[in-house]
Amino acid sequence: MENFTPGTALIGGLMIGCASLMLWLFNGRIAGISGILGGLATTSGEDRWWRIAFLAGLLAAPLVYQVIAGIAPVTVTSSPLLLVAGGLLVGFGTRLGGGCTSGHGVCGTARLSKRSLLATATFTLSGIIAVFLLRHVIGS
């Protein structure tokens, strides 16, 4: 918990909530990243451009914050094979769960969707179990 910063976490959460609300109010769309990214393959025209803009903002925001806050770049020390395996597992889980943590966790729970509430509880419980196993059983 040495890097826990409640102020920036609160601001970040508010920004995510506001962005999700604006996308829903002005575009009638849910801010589920897997759906936004997946829709790039099947859409064209105006529907394609808002998706590209949304994803570009997701990629640019941490870089802009890094420059403004003057923090050091993030270094990744995990093996590339482990990162690819993790990405494939996340992709599989996203398809299996019918959406991602942003779609279910941010937008679905705000709409009190039973499916999203169950999915979010499952994501959270799976994360807790994974961290426990990695830190206390495997010893990583």
Foldseek 3Di string as FASTA:
>chain_A
DVPDDVVVVVVVVVVLLVVQVCCCVVVVDGPFLVCLVVCCVPDDDPSNVVSVVVVVCVVCVVVVVCVVVVHDDDDDDDDPVVVVVVVVVQVVLQVVLVTHCRRLVRVVVVVVPPSSVVSNVVVVVVVVVVVCCPCPPVND
